[in-house]
Amino acid sequence: MVGMLPFDLPFTVFVPSEEYFQRILEPKMVSGVKAIDGNFTKEVSMNSTSDNTIAIVSRILGFSAVPLHLPSKSVPLNDELFVESLSGFRLQLGRDSTGVMFVNNISCEATDARRGQIIVHVVRGVIMDAGFEQSVRHDEDGDLE
């Protein structure tokens, strides 16, 4: 997902953890991002004929990529910061009293990794609007978080 952005521009991306990528893309694709020593490795197994998968990943990227550098330390502690994603989707960022960062009430499991100029934060969920969430629901409860 991060590889779809140019490396030389200041973006911040809130990517779903491997578990949530699997949930939203099953059975089309098993993909993920793992944090290893503050860096991220891509584990992508994408069927090149799966236009649906590419469309879903592109749409998620639109909701979760911000054309700004937003390291976790720039997000206020016990307060909120509002930014717009590439698609115009409003993101609410904050950190709790323990320093854990949240985006739209989804906690981050890893923060501040870099891939070129891109800052990557891994979240425990998928950032998307309600309409798109309805179109990709998979589990019995209909909940991806």
Protein backbone atom coordinates (compact mmCIF):
# COMPACT_ATOMS: atom_id res chain seq x y z
CA MET A 1 0.00 0.00 0.00
CA VAL A 2 2.76 2.43 0.96
CA GLY A 3 4.58 1.53 -2.25
CA MET A 4 1.79 3.23 -4.22
CA LEU A 5 2.98 6.66 -3.01
CA PRO A 6 5.98 8.57 -4.33
CA PHE A 7 8.96 8.22 -1.96
CA ASP A 8 10.12 11.82 -2.29
CA LEU A 9 6.98 13.61 -1.06
CA PRO A 10 6.05 14.32 2.57
CA PHE A 11 3.22 11.88 3.27
CA THR A 12 1.99 10.21 6.44
CA VAL A 13 0.12 6.94 6.02
CA PHE A 14 -1.97 5.10 8.60
CA VAL A 15 -1.83 1.52 7.33
CA PRO A 16 -3.83 -1.39 8.69
CA SER A 17 -1.89 -4.07 10.52
CA GLU A 18 -1.46 -7.43 8.80
CA GLU A 19 -4.44 -8.83 10.71
CA TYR A 20 -6.77 -6.10 9.46
CA PHE A 21 -5.47 -6.26 5.90
CA GLN A 22 -6.34 -9.96 5.93
CA ARG A 23 -9.80 -9.28 7.31
CA ILE A 24 -10.74 -6.69 4.73
CA LEU A 25 -9.18 -8.32 1.69
CA GLU A 26 -9.97 -11.99 2.31
CA PRO A 27 -10.09 -14.04 0.24
CA LYS A 28 -8.81 -11.74 -2.50
CA MET A 29 -5.40 -11.07 -1.02
CA VAL A 30 -3.27 -11.78 2.00
CA SER A 31 -1.19 -8.70 2.54
CA GLY A 32 0.33 -6.83 5.36
CA VAL A 33 2.90 -4.61 6.85
CA LYS A 34 5.09 -5.72 9.72
CA ALA A 35 7.20 -3.51 11.92
CA ILE A 36 10.76 -4.72 12.25
CA ASP A 37 13.13 -2.49 14.25
CA GLY A 38 11.18 0.66 13.35
CA ASN A 39 11.22 -0.16 9.64
CA PHE A 40 8.48 -1.77 7.64
CA THR A 41 8.63 -4.68 5.29
CA LYS A 42 6.00 -5.32 2.67
CA GLU A 43 4.48 -8.76 2.59
CA VAL A 44 2.25 -8.58 -0.42
CA SER A 45 0.77 -11.49 -2.27
CA MET A 46 -1.38 -9.76 -4.84
CA ASN A 47 -3.04 -11.48 -7.75
CA SER A 48 -2.35 -9.19 -10.70
CA THR A 49 -5.73 -10.06 -12.17
CA SER A 50 -7.57 -8.88 -9.08
CA ASP A 51 -8.77 -5.43 -10.06
CA ASN A 52 -11.03 -5.54 -7.00
CA THR A 53 -8.06 -5.88 -4.66
CA ILE A 54 -6.19 -3.02 -6.30
CA ALA A 55 -9.32 -0.87 -6.10
CA ILE A 56 -9.79 -1.66 -2.41
CA VAL A 57 -6.16 -0.93 -1.52
CA SER A 58 -6.26 2.31 -3.53
CA ARG A 59 -9.44 3.39 -1.79
CA ILE A 60 -8.00 2.62 1.66
CA LEU A 61 -4.90 4.61 0.73
CA GLY A 62 -7.09 7.60 -0.12
CA PHE A 63 -8.68 7.47 3.33
CA SER A 64 -5.45 6.87 5.24
CA ALA A 65 -2.76 8.95 3.50
CA VAL A 66 -2.18 12.56 4.54
CA PRO A 67 -0.01 14.91 2.44
CA LEU A 68 1.91 16.09 5.51
CA HIS A 69 4.67 14.82 7.76
CA LEU A 70 2.95 13.85 11.02
CA PRO A 71 5.37 12.09 13.36
CA SER A 72 3.72 10.88 16.56
CA LYS A 73 5.44 13.59 18.62
CA SER A 74 3.57 16.24 16.56
CA VAL A 75 0.22 14.79 17.66
CA PRO A 76 -0.99 16.46 20.86
CA LEU A 77 -1.11 14.55 24.14
CA ASN A 78 -4.65 14.44 25.60
CA ASP A 79 -5.93 16.69 22.81
CA GLU A 80 -7.02 16.43 19.19
CA LEU A 81 -5.58 17.34 15.82
CA PHE A 82 -7.78 17.24 12.72
CA VAL A 83 -6.34 16.68 9.23
CA GLU A 84 -7.74 15.69 5.85
CA SER A 85 -6.63 12.61 3.96
CA LEU A 86 -5.98 12.56 0.21
CA SER A 87 -9.65 11.73 -0.39
CA GLY A 88 -10.83 14.60 1.83
CA PHE A 89 -11.80 12.21 4.64
CA ARG A 90 -11.41 13.91 8.02
CA LEU A 91 -8.99 12.23 10.42
CA GLN A 92 -9.00 12.92 14.14
CA LEU A 93 -5.58 12.30 15.69
CA GLY A 94 -4.61 12.26 19.33
CA ARG A 95 -2.46 10.59 21.95
CA ASP A 96 -3.70 9.39 25.31
CA SER A 97 -1.96 10.02 28.63
CA THR A 98 0.29 6.98 28.05
CA GLY A 99 1.40 8.33 24.66
CA VAL A 100 -0.52 5.81 22.54
CA MET A 101 -1.57 7.45 19.29
CA PHE A 102 -5.10 7.14 17.93
CA VAL A 103 -6.61 7.99 14.57
CA ASN A 104 -10.41 8.11 14.40
CA ASN A 105 -10.48 6.18 17.69
CA ILE A 106 -8.30 3.36 16.33
CA SER A 107 -5.06 2.84 18.25
CA CYS A 108 -1.68 2.58 16.57
CA GLU A 109 0.39 -0.52 17.24
CA ALA A 110 3.56 0.95 15.69
CA THR A 111 4.48 4.53 14.85
CA ASP A 112 7.09 6.64 13.13
CA ALA A 113 8.60 4.17 10.70
CA ARG A 114 9.87 5.66 7.49
CA ARG A 115 9.91 4.55 3.92
CA GLY A 116 11.73 7.26 2.01
CA GLN A 117 10.04 10.53 2.94
CA ILE A 118 6.86 8.71 4.01
CA ILE A 119 6.02 8.35 7.71
CA VAL A 120 4.14 5.12 8.43
CA HIS A 121 1.93 4.42 11.43
CA VAL A 122 0.35 0.94 11.73
CA VAL A 123 -3.19 0.98 13.11
CA ARG A 124 -5.33 -1.75 14.66
CA GLY A 125 -8.10 -1.36 12.13
CA VAL A 126 -8.85 0.11 8.74
CA ILE A 127 -9.54 3.80 8.19
CA MET A 128 -12.50 4.30 5.86
CA ASP A 129 -15.84 6.05 5.63
CA ALA A 130 -19.09 4.30 6.53
CA GLY A 131 -20.17 3.79 2.94
CA PHE A 132 -16.97 2.00 1.98
CA GLU A 133 -17.05 -0.04 5.19
CA GLN A 134 -20.49 -1.35 4.21
CA SER A 135 -19.13 -2.51 0.87
CA VAL A 136 -16.23 -4.53 2.31
CA ARG A 137 -17.66 -6.11 5.46
CA HIS A 138 -16.67 -9.75 5.94
CA ASP A 139 -17.22 -10.99 9.46
CA GLU A 140 -20.50 -12.00 11.08
CA ASP A 141 -20.75 -8.85 13.19
CA GLY A 142 -19.96 -6.66 10.21
CA ASP A 143 -17.19 -5.02 12.19
CA LEU A 144 -13.64 -4.62 10.93
CA GLU A 145 -12.28 -3.17 14.15
